[in-house]
């Protein structure tokens, strides 16, 4: 791995408390996870590549051989 230059001054260093890192409000909807299977299937139809016909199955979580649906 190549070495990096780190400034000893806190002014030029990354600051997790900087104003740009503070959250601005509460998001009620998670943009990465659909609430229902229908929502996930509609998003896939609108935004994914149409190079195959996907099965109408949605998994919200998986662990080993067990899977869960959003409903």
PDB file of N, CA and C in Angstrom:
ATOM      1  N   UNK A   1       0.840  -1.165   0.000  1.00  0.00           N
ATOM      2  CA  UNK A   1       0.000   0.000   0.000  1.00  0.00           C
ATOM      3  C   UNK A   1       0.892   1.237   0.000  1.00  0.00           C
ATOM      4  N   UNK A   2       0.536   2.220  -0.770  1.00  0.00           N
ATOM      5  CA  UNK A   2       1.322   3.444  -0.871  1.00  0.00           C
ATOM      6  C   UNK A   2       1.127   4.305   0.367  1.00  0.00           C
ATOM      7  N   UNK A   3       2.173   4.991   0.807  1.00  0.00           N
ATOM      8  CA  UNK A   3       2.030   5.867   1.970  1.00  0.00           C
ATOM      9  C   UNK A   3       1.192   7.089   1.615  1.00  0.00           C
ATOM     10  N   UNK A   4       0.572   7.668   2.621  1.00  0.00           N
ATOM     11  CA  UNK A   4      -0.231   8.868   2.406  1.00  0.00           C
ATOM     12  C   UNK A   4       0.301   9.988   3.278  1.00  0.00           C
ATOM     13  N   UNK A   5       0.021  11.206   2.880  1.00  0.00           N
ATOM     14  CA  UNK A   5       0.436  12.364   3.664  1.00  0.00           C
ATOM     15  C   UNK A   5      -0.679  12.711   4.640  1.00  0.00           C
ATOM     16  N   UNK A   6      -0.330  12.782   5.905  1.00  0.00           N
ATOM     17  CA  UNK A   6      -1.304  13.143   6.931  1.00  0.00           C
ATOM     18  C   UNK A   6      -0.851  14.443   7.567  1.00  0.00           C
ATOM     19  N   UNK A   7      -1.736  15.416   7.572  1.00  0.00           N
ATOM     20  CA  UNK A   7      -1.419  16.706   8.171  1.00  0.00           C
ATOM     21  C   UNK A   7      -1.568  16.610   9.681  1.00  0.00           C
ATOM     22  N   UNK A   8      -0.647  17.205  10.406  1.00  0.00           N
ATOM     23  CA  UNK A   8      -0.746  17.189  11.863  1.00  0.00           C
ATOM     24  C   UNK A   8      -1.724  18.247  12.365  1.00  0.00           C
ATOM     25  N   UNK A   9      -2.043  19.193  11.527  1.00  0.00           N
ATOM     26  CA  UNK A   9      -2.982  20.245  11.896  1.00  0.00           C
ATOM     27  C   UNK A   9      -4.407  19.709  11.790  1.00  0.00           C
ATOM     28  N   UNK A  10      -5.242  19.990  12.774  1.00  0.00           N
ATOM     29  CA  UNK A  10      -6.632  19.529  12.711  1.00  0.00           C
ATOM     30  C   UNK A  10      -7.439  20.311  11.683  1.00  0.00           C
ATOM     31  N   UNK A  11      -6.941  21.476  11.284  1.00  0.00           N
ATOM     32  CA  UNK A  11      -7.645  22.285  10.296  1.00  0.00           C
ATOM     33  C   UNK A  11      -7.721  21.566   8.946  1.00  0.00           C
ATOM     34  N   UNK A  12      -6.658  20.892   8.545  1.00  0.00           N
ATOM     35  CA  UNK A  12      -6.611  20.237   7.248  1.00  0.00           C
ATOM     36  C   UNK A  12      -6.953  18.749   7.318  1.00  0.00           C
ATOM     37  N   UNK A  13      -7.204  18.223   8.497  1.00  0.00           N
ATOM     38  CA  UNK A  13      -7.501  16.798   8.651  1.00  0.00           C
ATOM     39  C   UNK A  13      -8.997  16.553   8.514  1.00  0.00           C
ATOM     40  N   UNK A  14      -9.342  15.307   8.284  1.00  0.00           N
ATOM     41  CA  UNK A  14     -10.754  14.953   8.269  1.00  0.00           C
ATOM     42  C   UNK A  14     -11.324  15.138   9.661  1.00  0.00           C
ATOM     43  N   UNK A  15     -12.516  15.658   9.722  1.00  0.00           N
ATOM     44  CA  UNK A  15     -13.152  15.921  11.007  1.00  0.00           C
ATOM     45  C   UNK A  15     -14.576  15.405  10.949  1.00  0.00           C
ATOM     46  N   UNK A  16     -14.848  14.338  11.663  1.00  0.00           N
ATOM     47  CA  UNK A  16     -16.180  13.739  11.636  1.00  0.00           C
ATOM     48  C   UNK A  16     -17.228  14.649  12.250  1.00  0.00           C
ATOM     49  N   UNK A  17     -16.810  15.655  12.974  1.00  0.00           N
ATOM     50  CA  UNK A  17     -17.742  16.603  13.576  1.00  0.00           C
ATOM     51  C   UNK A  17     -17.947  17.836  12.694  1.00  0.00           C
ATOM     52  N   UNK A  18     -17.331  17.844  11.534  1.00  0.00           N
ATOM     53  CA  UNK A  18     -17.480  18.982  10.634  1.00  0.00           C
ATOM     54  C   UNK A  18     -18.945  19.141  10.247  1.00  0.00           C
ATOM     55  N   UNK A  19     -19.331  20.348   9.930  1.00  0.00           N
ATOM     56  CA  UNK A  19     -20.724  20.654   9.627  1.00  0.00           C
ATOM     57  C   UNK A  19     -21.275  19.795   8.488  1.00  0.00           C
ATOM     58  N   UNK A  20     -20.449  19.485   7.488  1.00  0.00           N
ATOM     59  CA  UNK A  20     -20.930  18.709   6.344  1.00  0.00           C
ATOM     60  C   UNK A  20     -21.221  17.256   6.697  1.00  0.00           C
ATOM     61  N   UNK A  21     -20.725  16.758   7.845  1.00  0.00           N
ATOM     62  CA  UNK A  21     -20.953  15.372   8.221  1.00  0.00           C
ATOM     63  C   UNK A  21     -22.161  15.193   9.136  1.00  0.00           C
ATOM     64  N   UNK A  22     -22.744  16.267   9.598  1.00  0.00           N
ATOM     65  CA  UNK A  22     -23.872  16.160  10.519  1.00  0.00           C
ATOM     66  C   UNK A  22     -25.143  15.834   9.743  1.00  0.00           C
ATOM     67  N   UNK A  23     -25.945  14.873  10.232  1.00  0.00           N
ATOM     68  CA  UNK A  23     -27.192  14.532   9.549  1.00  0.00           C
ATOM     69  C   UNK A  23     -28.164  15.706   9.595  1.00  0.00           C
ATOM     70  N   UNK A  24     -28.937  15.853   8.555  1.00  0.00           N
ATOM     71  CA  UNK A  24     -29.904  16.940   8.470  1.00  0.00           C
ATOM     72  C   UNK A  24     -31.314  16.369   8.389  1.00  0.00           C
ATOM     73  N   UNK A  25     -31.855  15.943   9.500  1.00  0.00           N
ATOM     74  CA  UNK A  25     -33.221  15.447   9.544  1.00  0.00           C
ATOM     75  C   UNK A  25     -33.293  13.938   9.605  1.00  0.00           C
ATOM     76  N   UNK A  26     -34.499  13.454   9.785  1.00  0.00           N
ATOM     77  CA  UNK A  26     -34.746  12.013   9.846  1.00  0.00           C
ATOM     78  C   UNK A  26     -35.353  11.534   8.544  1.00  0.00           C
ATOM     79  N   UNK A  27     -34.798  10.487   7.998  1.00  0.00           N
ATOM     80  CA  UNK A  27     -35.390   9.873   6.818  1.00  0.00           C
ATOM     81  C   UNK A  27     -36.382   8.824   7.293  1.00  0.00           C
ATOM     82  N   UNK A  28     -37.582   8.905   6.832  1.00  0.00           N
ATOM     83  CA  UNK A  28     -38.599   7.937   7.210  1.00  0.00           C
ATOM     84  C   UNK A  28     -38.563   6.714   6.311  1.00  0.00           C
ATOM     85  N   UNK A  29     -38.091   6.893   5.081  1.00  0.00           N
ATOM     86  CA  UNK A  29     -38.071   5.806   4.111  1.00  0.00           C
ATOM     87  C   UNK A  29     -36.627   5.449   3.794  1.00  0.00           C
ATOM     88  N   UNK A  30     -36.313   4.179   3.854  1.00  0.00           N
ATOM     89  CA  UNK A  30     -34.980   3.701   3.507  1.00  0.00           C
ATOM     90  C   UNK A  30     -34.910   3.580   1.986  1.00  0.00           C
ATOM     91  N   UNK A  31     -34.055   4.359   1.296  1.00  0.00           N
ATOM     92  CA  UNK A  31     -34.036   4.321  -0.165  1.00  0.00           C
ATOM     93  C   UNK A  31     -33.444   3.042  -0.742  1.00  0.00           C
ATOM     94  N   UNK A  32     -32.844   2.196   0.100  1.00  0.00           N
ATOM     95  CA  UNK A  32     -32.187   0.998  -0.402  1.00  0.00           C
ATOM     96  C   UNK A  32     -32.983  -0.274  -0.165  1.00  0.00           C
ATOM     97  N   UNK A  33     -34.036  -0.209   0.628  1.00  0.00           N
ATOM     98  CA  UNK A  33     -34.815  -1.395   0.932  1.00  0.00           C
ATOM     99  C   UNK A  33     -36.296  -1.103   0.727  1.00  0.00           C
ATOM    100  N   UNK A  34     -36.947  -1.918  -0.071  1.00  0.00           N
ATOM    101  CA  UNK A  34     -38.364  -1.743  -0.342  1.00  0.00           C
ATOM    102  C   UNK A  34     -39.189  -2.250   0.835  1.00  0.00           C
ATOM    103  N   UNK A  35     -40.327  -1.604   1.083  1.00  0.00           N
ATOM    104  CA  UNK A  35     -41.199  -2.001   2.184  1.00  0.00           C
ATOM    105  C   UNK A  35     -42.026  -3.228   1.821  1.00  0.00           C
ATOM    106  N   UNK A  36     -42.312  -3.394   0.542  1.00  0.00           N
ATOM    107  CA  UNK A  36     -43.124  -4.530   0.104  1.00  0.00           C
ATOM    108  C   UNK A  36     -42.493  -5.175  -1.125  1.00  0.00           C
ATOM    109  N   UNK A  37     -42.939  -6.388  -1.406  1.00  0.00           N
ATOM    110  CA  UNK A  37     -42.460  -7.077  -2.608  1.00  0.00           C
ATOM    111  C   UNK A  37     -42.874  -6.318  -3.861  1.00  0.00           C
ATOM    112  N   UNK A  38     -44.098  -5.795  -3.864  1.00  0.00           N
ATOM    113  CA  UNK A  38     -44.585  -5.056  -5.036  1.00  0.00           C
ATOM    114  C   UNK A  38     -43.721  -3.826  -5.313  1.00  0.00           C
ATOM    115  N   UNK A  39     -43.309  -3.121  -4.274  1.00  0.00           N
ATOM    116  CA  UNK A  39     -42.446  -1.951  -4.435  1.00  0.00           C
ATOM    117  C   UNK A  39     -41.089  -2.347  -4.997  1.00  0.00           C
ATOM    118  N   UNK A  40     -40.526  -3.428  -4.490  1.00  0.00           N
ATOM    119  CA  UNK A  40     -39.223  -3.898  -4.972  1.00  0.00           C
ATOM    120  C   UNK A  40     -39.301  -4.344  -6.429  1.00  0.00           C
ATOM    121  N   UNK A  41     -40.359  -5.046  -6.790  1.00  0.00           N
ATOM    122  CA  UNK A  41     -40.524  -5.518  -8.169  1.00  0.00           C
ATOM    123  C   UNK A  41     -40.729  -4.332  -9.110  1.00  0.00           C
ATOM    124  N   UNK A  42     -41.492  -3.327  -8.680  1.00  0.00           N
ATOM    125  CA  UNK A  42     -41.702  -2.132  -9.507  1.00  0.00           C
ATOM    126  C   UNK A  42     -40.395  -1.360  -9.694  1.00  0.00           C
ATOM    127  N   UNK A  43     -39.592  -1.244  -8.638  1.00  0.00           N
ATOM    128  CA  UNK A  43     -38.306  -0.547  -8.745  1.00  0.00           C
ATOM    129  C   UNK A  43     -37.364  -1.299  -9.670  1.00  0.00           C
ATOM    130  N   UNK A  44     -37.344  -2.616  -9.575  1.00  0.00           N
ATOM    131  CA  UNK A  44     -36.496  -3.422 -10.464  1.00  0.00           C
ATOM    132  C   UNK A  44     -36.914  -3.220 -11.909  1.00  0.00           C
ATOM    133  N   UNK A  45     -38.215  -3.190 -12.150  1.00  0.00           N
ATOM    134  CA  UNK A  45     -38.720  -3.010 -13.512  1.00  0.00           C
ATOM    135  C   UNK A  45     -38.351  -1.632 -14.061  1.00  0.00           C
ATOM    136  N   UNK A  46     -38.377  -0.624 -13.207  1.00  0.00           N
ATOM    137  CA  UNK A  46     -38.095   0.741 -13.654  1.00  0.00           C
ATOM    138  C   UNK A  46     -36.607   1.024 -13.832  1.00  0.00           C
ATOM    139  N   UNK A  47     -35.752   0.440 -12.989  1.00  0.00           N
ATOM    140  CA  UNK A  47     -34.354   0.852 -12.965  1.00  0.00           C
ATOM    141  C   UNK A  47     -33.336  -0.205 -13.377  1.00  0.00           C
ATOM    142  N   UNK A  48     -33.687  -1.473 -13.373  1.00  0.00           N
ATOM    143  CA  UNK A  48     -32.706  -2.522 -13.682  1.00  0.00           C
ATOM    144  C   UNK A  48     -32.649  -2.791 -15.188  1.00  0.00           C
ATOM    145  N   UNK A  49     -31.592  -3.446 -15.595  1.00  0.00           N
ATOM    146  CA  UNK A  49     -31.435  -3.817 -17.006  1.00  0.00           C
ATOM    147  C   UNK A  49     -32.469  -4.882 -17.364  1.00  0.00           C
ATOM    148  N   UNK A  50     -32.981  -4.808 -18.560  1.00  0.00           N
ATOM    149  CA  UNK A  50     -34.011  -5.749 -19.004  1.00  0.00           C
ATOM    150  C   UNK A  50     -33.402  -6.813 -19.913  1.00  0.00           C
ATOM    151  N   UNK A  51     -32.324  -7.441 -19.441  1.00  0.00           N
ATOM    152  CA  UNK A  51     -31.677  -8.465 -20.258  1.00  0.00           C
ATOM    153  C   UNK A  51     -32.140  -9.874 -19.897  1.00  0.00           C
ATOM    154  N   UNK A  52     -33.036 -10.007 -18.944  1.00  0.00           N
ATOM    155  CA  UNK A  52     -33.630 -11.295 -18.603  1.00  0.00           C
ATOM    156  C   UNK A  52     -34.938 -11.022 -17.873  1.00  0.00           C
ATOM    157  N   UNK A  53     -35.758 -12.052 -17.716  1.00  0.00           N
ATOM    158  CA  UNK A  53     -37.019 -11.900 -16.997  1.00  0.00           C
ATOM    159  C   UNK A  53     -36.847 -12.462 -15.584  1.00  0.00           C
ATOM    160  N   UNK A  54     -36.790 -11.599 -14.567  1.00  0.00           N
ATOM    161  CA  UNK A  54     -36.564 -12.081 -13.204  1.00  0.00           C
ATOM    162  C   UNK A  54     -37.801 -12.766 -12.624  1.00  0.00           C
ATOM    163  N   UNK A  55     -37.573 -13.637 -11.675  1.00  0.00           N
ATOM    164  CA  UNK A  55     -38.677 -14.267 -10.964  1.00  0.00           C
ATOM    165  C   UNK A  55     -39.326 -13.242 -10.036  1.00  0.00           C
ATOM    166  N   UNK A  56     -40.632 -13.320  -9.842  1.00  0.00           N
ATOM    167  CA  UNK A  56     -41.308 -12.359  -8.961  1.00  0.00           C
ATOM    168  C   UNK A  56     -41.137 -12.732  -7.486  1.00  0.00           C
ATOM    169  N   UNK A  57     -39.892 -12.824  -7.048  1.00  0.00           N
ATOM    170  CA  UNK A  57     -39.573 -13.205  -5.672  1.00  0.00           C
ATOM    171  C   UNK A  57     -38.659 -12.134  -5.088  1.00  0.00           C
ATOM    172  N   UNK A  58     -38.936 -11.721  -3.853  1.00  0.00           N
ATOM    173  CA  UNK A  58     -38.132 -10.699  -3.189  1.00  0.00           C
ATOM    174  C   UNK A  58     -37.697 -11.228  -1.830  1.00  0.00           C
ATOM    175  N   UNK A  59     -36.410 -11.106  -1.529  1.00  0.00           N
ATOM    176  CA  UNK A  59     -35.884 -11.480  -0.216  1.00  0.00           C
ATOM    177  C   UNK A  59     -35.521 -10.209   0.536  1.00  0.00           C
ATOM    178  N   UNK A  60     -35.976 -10.089   1.760  1.00  0.00           N
ATOM    179  CA  UNK A  60     -35.574  -8.941   2.575  1.00  0.00           C
ATOM    180  C   UNK A  60     -34.365  -9.263   3.431  1.00  0.00           C
ATOM    181  N   UNK A  61     -34.138 -10.562   3.681  1.00  0.00           N
ATOM    182  CA  UNK A  61     -33.007 -10.981   4.503  1.00  0.00           C
ATOM    183  C   UNK A  61     -32.704 -12.427   4.185  1.00  0.00           C
ATOM    184  N   UNK A  62     -31.457 -12.810   4.313  1.00  0.00           N
ATOM    185  CA  UNK A  62     -31.060 -14.200   4.105  1.00  0.00           C
ATOM    186  C   UNK A  62     -29.928 -14.537   5.061  1.00  0.00           C
ATOM    187  N   UNK A  63     -29.956 -15.779   5.545  1.00  0.00           N
ATOM    188  CA  UNK A  63     -28.890 -16.256   6.424  1.00  0.00           C
ATOM    189  C   UNK A  63     -28.772 -17.754   6.208  1.00  0.00           C
ATOM    190  N   UNK A  64     -27.637 -18.154   5.648  1.00  0.00           N
ATOM    191  CA  UNK A  64     -27.464 -19.572   5.338  1.00  0.00           C
ATOM    192  C   UNK A  64     -28.467 -20.001   4.282  1.00  0.00           C
ATOM    193  N   UNK A  65     -29.293 -21.001   4.604  1.00  0.00           N
ATOM    194  CA  UNK A  65     -30.304 -21.469   3.653  1.00  0.00           C
ATOM    195  C   UNK A  65     -31.671 -20.861   3.937  1.00  0.00           C
ATOM    196  N   UNK A  66     -31.794 -20.032   4.962  1.00  0.00           N
ATOM    197  CA  UNK A  66     -33.065 -19.407   5.323  1.00  0.00           C
ATOM    198  C   UNK A  66     -33.185 -18.043   4.663  1.00  0.00           C
ATOM    199  N   UNK A  67     -34.377 -17.742   4.140  1.00  0.00           N
ATOM    200  CA  UNK A  67     -34.646 -16.441   3.540  1.00  0.00           C
ATOM    201  C   UNK A  67     -35.967 -15.905   4.083  1.00  0.00           C
ATOM    202  N   UNK A  68     -36.087 -14.571   4.129  1.00  0.00           N
ATOM    203  CA  UNK A  68     -37.290 -13.921   4.616  1.00  0.00           C
ATOM    204  C   UNK A  68     -37.792 -12.963   3.547  1.00  0.00           C
ATOM    205  N   UNK A  69     -39.124 -12.828   3.447  1.00  0.00           N
ATOM    206  CA  UNK A  69     -39.698 -11.868   2.509  1.00  0.00           C
ATOM    207  C   UNK A  69     -40.049 -10.583   3.258  1.00  0.00           C
ATOM    208  N   UNK A  70     -40.250  -9.465   2.538  1.00  0.00           N
ATOM    209  CA  UNK A  70     -40.507  -8.182   3.201  1.00  0.00           C
ATOM    210  C   UNK A  70     -41.833  -8.125   3.953  1.00  0.00           C
ATOM    211  N   UNK A  71     -42.792  -8.923   3.540  1.00  0.00           N
ATOM    212  CA  UNK A  71     -44.085  -8.877   4.222  1.00  0.00           C
ATOM    213  C   UNK A  71     -43.984  -9.744   5.426  1.00  0.00           C
TER     214      UNK A  71
END
